[in-house]
């Protein structure tokens, strides 16, 4: 915790600091799950094939 951080918020700081990454991690995880669903994977490969031609 920074030295100049208000003492009254000292209990909140660790919670905010430690959980600040969860939304970004959640978005990345959900995106990876969706991309790995077989139907989505097939559709993406078809799009890649059409886009290359």
Protein backbone atom coordinates (compact mmCIF):
# COMPACT_ATOMS: atom_id res chain seq x y z
CA UNK A 1 0.00 0.00 0.00
CA UNK A 2 1.35 3.45 -0.86
CA UNK A 3 2.72 5.49 2.04
CA UNK A 4 0.42 8.46 1.36
CA UNK A 5 -2.78 6.36 1.20
CA UNK A 6 -5.53 7.52 3.62
CA UNK A 7 -5.67 5.38 6.75
CA UNK A 8 -9.46 5.32 6.76
CA UNK A 9 -9.45 3.40 3.47
CA UNK A 10 -6.73 0.96 4.48
CA UNK A 11 -9.18 -1.96 4.74
CA UNK A 12 -10.60 -1.29 1.26
CA UNK A 13 -7.28 -0.98 -0.56
CA UNK A 14 -6.34 -4.70 -0.61
CA UNK A 15 -9.80 -5.66 -1.83
CA UNK A 16 -9.77 -3.14 -4.68
CA UNK A 17 -6.16 -3.89 -5.57
CA UNK A 18 -6.52 -7.68 -5.60
CA UNK A 19 -9.86 -7.79 -7.40
CA UNK A 20 -9.11 -5.11 -10.00
CA UNK A 21 -7.87 -7.73 -12.49
CA UNK A 22 -10.95 -9.99 -12.30
CA UNK A 23 -13.09 -8.23 -14.98
CA UNK A 24 -10.27 -8.38 -17.54
CA UNK A 25 -9.46 -11.98 -16.64
CA UNK A 26 -13.13 -12.89 -16.91
CA UNK A 27 -13.44 -11.36 -20.37
CA UNK A 28 -10.34 -13.19 -21.57
CA UNK A 29 -11.54 -16.51 -20.12
CA UNK A 30 -15.06 -16.21 -21.54
CA UNK A 31 -13.66 -15.26 -24.94
CA UNK A 32 -11.36 -18.29 -24.93
CA UNK A 33 -14.23 -20.59 -23.96
CA UNK A 34 -16.47 -19.21 -26.72
CA UNK A 35 -13.73 -19.49 -29.35
CA UNK A 36 -13.11 -23.12 -28.38
CA UNK A 37 -16.77 -24.20 -28.81
CA UNK A 38 -16.73 -26.54 -31.84
CA UNK A 39 -19.43 -24.67 -33.81
CA UNK A 40 -17.67 -21.34 -33.30
CA UNK A 41 -14.31 -22.86 -34.17
CA UNK A 42 -15.75 -24.23 -37.42
CA UNK A 43 -17.36 -20.92 -38.32
CA UNK A 44 -14.13 -19.03 -37.65
CA UNK A 45 -12.15 -21.41 -39.84
CA UNK A 46 -14.68 -20.91 -42.67
CA UNK A 47 -14.39 -17.14 -42.29
CA UNK A 48 -10.59 -17.38 -42.41
CA UNK A 49 -10.81 -19.50 -45.57
CA UNK A 50 -13.13 -17.03 -47.29
CA UNK A 51 -11.08 -14.04 -46.16
CA UNK A 52 -7.85 -15.47 -47.60
CA UNK A 53 -9.30 -16.05 -51.06
